[in-house]
């Protein structure tokens, strides 16, 4: 399975969803048919008796796809904890084949699949499955979102090393949120990680997908992402 990008982060809360939305809307605005997926999401609120994962819903809007949540999100859970624990608390086990089937379902109908992970690369999905294992099984390239803060060099290089040890191709690194002072993160990550730093995505004071896309066009090397 290929023709896809998997977005992960060095940690939870680093801005994966914002960057994914920006990338997806940018590509959609160029006329590409993009399927945006969030295979697993925990911490989903219940609305009218149904779990509504917020990140997955945001990706549907960014892609203008009209998909139902079940089309892009194989598993959603109410507790805001690691996916393996969130699943166990409701008596479920996350299965790799179920996620791969959803990804395959979109393969022939879209130019590109962009899937967003949960937390970081090494987050457990079950007692026998890490997110890294799932990404390796897809054959997708990895886009890593790292916060542009002190300490991100170490976390980024460790994530890159873990990905490469599993044979995952690296599309590049996006540094999220420009810091008030220059920290040298981009140069150090590029040099020591032997990886493209595709840009520094700024803080955008808007939740509008087109404004996020505009920021992506201004700051990210989209040609190399693809």
Protein backbone atom coordinates (compact mmCIF):
# COMPACT_ATOMS: atom_id res chain seq x y z
CA UNK A 1 0.00 0.00 0.00
CA UNK A 2 1.40 3.43 -0.92
CA UNK A 3 0.35 6.83 -2.30
CA UNK A 4 -0.01 8.09 1.22
CA UNK A 5 1.48 10.27 3.91
CA UNK A 6 1.22 9.48 7.61
CA UNK A 7 1.50 12.47 9.93
CA UNK A 8 2.87 11.85 13.39
CA UNK A 9 4.42 13.98 16.11
CA UNK A 10 7.15 13.84 18.67
CA UNK A 11 4.45 13.89 21.34
CA UNK A 12 0.79 14.60 21.90
CA UNK A 13 -0.37 18.20 21.60
CA UNK A 14 2.39 19.32 19.20
CA UNK A 15 -0.01 20.48 16.48
CA UNK A 16 -0.39 17.43 14.24
CA UNK A 17 -4.03 18.14 13.47
CA UNK A 18 -3.44 21.80 12.62
CA UNK A 19 -0.59 20.94 10.25
CA UNK A 20 -2.55 18.06 8.73
CA UNK A 21 -5.58 20.28 8.14
CA UNK A 22 -3.39 22.94 6.56
CA UNK A 23 -1.73 20.42 4.26
CA UNK A 24 -4.98 18.74 3.28
CA UNK A 25 -6.84 21.98 2.50
CA UNK A 26 -3.86 23.27 0.52
CA UNK A 27 -3.84 20.17 -1.68
CA UNK A 28 -7.61 20.16 -2.06
CA UNK A 29 -7.50 23.79 -3.18
CA UNK A 30 -5.09 22.80 -5.97
CA UNK A 31 -7.63 20.29 -7.29
CA UNK A 32 -6.17 17.13 -5.77
CA UNK A 33 -8.53 14.46 -4.50
CA UNK A 34 -7.36 13.93 -0.94
CA UNK A 35 -8.71 11.45 1.59
CA UNK A 36 -7.93 12.66 5.12
CA UNK A 37 -8.10 9.95 7.77
CA UNK A 38 -7.71 9.68 11.53
CA UNK A 39 -7.61 5.90 12.06
CA UNK A 40 -7.69 6.00 15.87
CA UNK A 41 -8.87 8.76 18.19
CA UNK A 42 -9.34 8.75 21.95
CA UNK A 43 -10.94 11.46 24.02
CA UNK A 44 -13.95 11.73 21.71
CA UNK A 45 -16.95 13.50 23.27
CA UNK A 46 -20.39 11.92 23.16
CA UNK A 47 -23.04 13.92 21.30
CA UNK A 48 -26.63 12.66 21.08
CA UNK A 49 -25.53 9.23 22.22
CA UNK A 50 -22.73 8.93 19.64
CA UNK A 51 -18.99 9.43 19.96
CA UNK A 52 -17.85 12.26 17.70
CA UNK A 53 -14.06 12.36 17.39
CA UNK A 54 -13.13 16.01 17.00
CA UNK A 55 -9.88 15.60 15.05
CA UNK A 56 -11.50 13.23 12.55
CA UNK A 57 -14.39 15.66 12.11
CA UNK A 58 -11.95 18.52 11.50
CA UNK A 59 -10.14 16.50 8.82
CA UNK A 60 -13.43 15.78 7.03
CA UNK A 61 -14.11 19.52 6.89
CA UNK A 62 -10.56 20.31 5.75
CA UNK A 63 -10.80 17.78 2.91
CA UNK A 64 -14.35 18.84 1.96
CA UNK A 65 -14.96 15.11 1.56
CA UNK A 66 -18.41 14.66 3.06
CA UNK A 67 -17.24 11.38 4.56
CA UNK A 68 -19.00 9.82 7.51
CA UNK A 69 -16.82 9.44 10.60
CA UNK A 70 -16.84 5.66 10.15
CA UNK A 71 -15.30 6.11 6.69
CA UNK A 72 -12.12 7.67 8.05
CA UNK A 73 -11.89 6.65 11.72
CA UNK A 74 -11.72 2.93 12.49
CA UNK A 75 -11.72 3.36 16.28
CA UNK A 76 -12.89 6.15 18.57
CA UNK A 77 -12.96 6.03 22.36
CA UNK A 78 -14.26 8.35 25.08
CA UNK A 79 -11.33 8.41 27.51
CA UNK A 80 -8.48 10.88 26.73
CA UNK A 81 -5.70 8.35 27.31
CA UNK A 82 -3.35 6.28 25.18
CA UNK A 83 -5.29 4.33 22.51
CA UNK A 84 -4.38 0.90 23.90
CA UNK A 85 -5.76 1.84 27.32
CA UNK A 86 -8.79 3.68 25.93
CA UNK A 87 -9.68 0.57 23.93
CA UNK A 88 -9.15 -1.78 26.88
CA UNK A 89 -11.45 0.30 29.07
CA UNK A 90 -14.36 -0.38 26.70
CA UNK A 91 -13.44 -4.01 26.14
CA UNK A 92 -11.98 -3.58 22.63
CA UNK A 93 -8.66 -4.42 21.00
CA UNK A 94 -7.36 -2.29 18.15
CA UNK A 95 -6.65 -4.52 15.15
CA UNK A 96 -4.21 -3.51 12.42
CA UNK A 97 -6.18 -5.24 9.66
CA UNK A 98 -9.29 -3.18 10.37
CA UNK A 99 -7.32 0.05 9.94
CA UNK A 100 -5.56 -1.17 6.80
CA UNK A 101 -8.92 -2.07 5.30
CA UNK A 102 -10.20 1.49 5.73
CA UNK A 103 -7.05 2.84 4.10
CA UNK A 104 -7.34 0.41 1.19
CA UNK A 105 -10.97 1.37 0.68
CA UNK A 106 -9.89 4.89 -0.33
CA UNK A 107 -6.85 3.96 -2.38
CA UNK A 108 -8.40 3.93 -5.85
CA UNK A 109 -10.72 6.91 -5.41
CA UNK A 110 -8.22 9.56 -4.35
CA UNK A 111 -4.93 10.99 -5.57
CA UNK A 112 -3.44 10.92 -2.09
CA UNK A 113 -4.27 9.62 1.36
CA UNK A 114 -3.18 11.72 4.34
CA UNK A 115 -3.57 9.91 7.65
CA UNK A 116 -2.98 11.43 11.07
CA UNK A 117 -1.69 9.35 13.95
CA UNK A 118 -2.39 9.64 17.66
CA UNK A 119 0.31 11.02 19.92
CA UNK A 120 3.81 10.01 18.84
CA UNK A 121 5.31 7.30 16.69
CA UNK A 122 5.78 4.76 19.48
CA UNK A 123 2.31 5.07 21.00
CA UNK A 124 0.87 1.60 21.68
CA UNK A 125 -2.36 0.66 19.95
CA UNK A 126 -2.53 -2.70 21.72
CA UNK A 127 -0.28 -5.03 23.70
CA UNK A 128 1.23 -6.25 20.42
CA UNK A 129 0.96 -3.22 18.12
CA UNK A 130 2.68 0.17 18.10
CA UNK A 131 1.67 3.01 15.81
CA UNK A 132 5.10 2.66 14.20
CA UNK A 133 4.26 -0.93 13.23
CA UNK A 134 1.01 0.18 11.61
CA UNK A 135 2.70 2.96 9.63
CA UNK A 136 5.39 0.55 8.42
CA UNK A 137 2.66 -1.84 7.24
CA UNK A 138 1.01 0.88 5.13
CA UNK A 139 4.16 1.73 3.19
CA UNK A 140 3.27 5.41 3.55
CA UNK A 141 5.97 8.04 3.99
CA UNK A 142 6.15 9.81 7.34
CA UNK A 143 5.69 13.53 7.91
CA UNK A 144 6.90 14.41 11.39
CA UNK A 145 5.52 17.43 13.23
CA UNK A 146 7.82 18.72 15.95
CA UNK A 147 7.20 21.67 18.27
CA UNK A 148 9.71 24.46 17.64
CA UNK A 149 10.84 24.61 21.26
CA UNK A 150 13.90 23.88 23.35
CA UNK A 151 14.32 20.09 23.57
CA UNK A 152 12.79 19.26 20.23
CA UNK A 153 16.11 18.29 18.63
CA UNK A 154 16.48 15.25 20.87
CA UNK A 155 12.84 14.15 20.54
CA UNK A 156 12.88 14.62 16.77
CA UNK A 157 16.10 12.71 16.18
CA UNK A 158 14.91 9.83 18.37
CA UNK A 159 11.64 9.64 16.41
CA UNK A 160 13.48 9.65 13.09
CA UNK A 161 15.79 6.88 14.28
CA UNK A 162 12.87 4.76 15.44
CA UNK A 163 11.07 5.24 12.12
CA UNK A 164 14.10 4.34 10.02
CA UNK A 165 14.75 1.23 12.09
CA UNK A 166 11.35 -0.01 10.86
CA UNK A 167 11.99 0.86 7.24
CA UNK A 168 9.65 3.88 7.22
CA UNK A 169 10.45 6.47 4.54
CA UNK A 170 10.71 10.01 5.89
CA UNK A 171 8.94 12.72 3.88
CA UNK A 172 10.36 15.42 6.16
CA UNK A 173 9.93 17.40 9.35
CA UNK A 174 7.65 20.38 9.95
CA UNK A 175 8.53 22.59 12.91
CA UNK A 176 5.33 23.95 14.39
CA UNK A 177 5.02 27.45 15.85
CA UNK A 178 7.87 29.90 15.32
CA UNK A 179 9.62 30.64 18.63
CA UNK A 180 10.29 34.19 19.87
CA UNK A 181 14.06 33.57 19.70
CA UNK A 182 16.11 31.51 17.24
CA UNK A 183 16.89 28.09 18.74
CA UNK A 184 18.79 26.53 15.85
CA UNK A 185 16.37 23.62 15.72
CA UNK A 186 15.94 23.45 11.95
CA UNK A 187 19.64 23.38 11.13
CA UNK A 188 20.49 20.85 13.83
CA UNK A 189 17.64 18.50 12.90
CA UNK A 190 18.46 18.72 9.20
CA UNK A 191 22.19 18.11 9.79
CA UNK A 192 22.10 15.37 12.41
CA UNK A 193 18.90 13.75 11.22
CA UNK A 194 19.85 13.74 7.52
CA UNK A 195 16.31 14.92 6.78
CA UNK A 196 14.53 17.78 5.06
CA UNK A 197 13.07 20.36 7.41
CA UNK A 198 10.15 21.45 5.27
CA UNK A 199 9.48 24.70 7.04
CA UNK A 200 8.40 26.39 10.23
CA UNK A 201 4.62 26.55 10.45
CA UNK A 202 3.58 29.72 12.29
CA UNK A 203 1.00 30.24 14.99
CA UNK A 204 -2.25 31.04 13.14
CA UNK A 205 -4.86 32.98 15.10
CA UNK A 206 -7.72 31.39 13.22
CA UNK A 207 -9.48 28.06 13.02
CA UNK A 208 -10.35 28.56 9.35
CA UNK A 209 -8.95 25.86 7.06
CA UNK A 210 -8.28 28.25 4.19
CA UNK A 211 -6.27 30.54 6.44
CA UNK A 212 -4.29 27.53 7.66
CA UNK A 213 -3.74 26.57 4.02
CA UNK A 214 -2.51 30.06 3.23
CA UNK A 215 0.02 29.79 6.06
CA UNK A 216 1.15 26.41 4.70
CA UNK A 217 1.68 27.84 1.22
CA UNK A 218 3.77 30.68 2.64
CA UNK A 219 5.95 28.64 4.99
CA UNK A 220 6.17 24.99 3.91
CA UNK A 221 8.01 23.31 1.05
CA UNK A 222 4.96 21.51 -0.30
CA UNK A 223 6.72 20.13 -3.37
CA UNK A 224 9.13 18.15 -1.22
CA UNK A 225 6.33 16.97 1.06
CA UNK A 226 4.80 15.29 -1.99
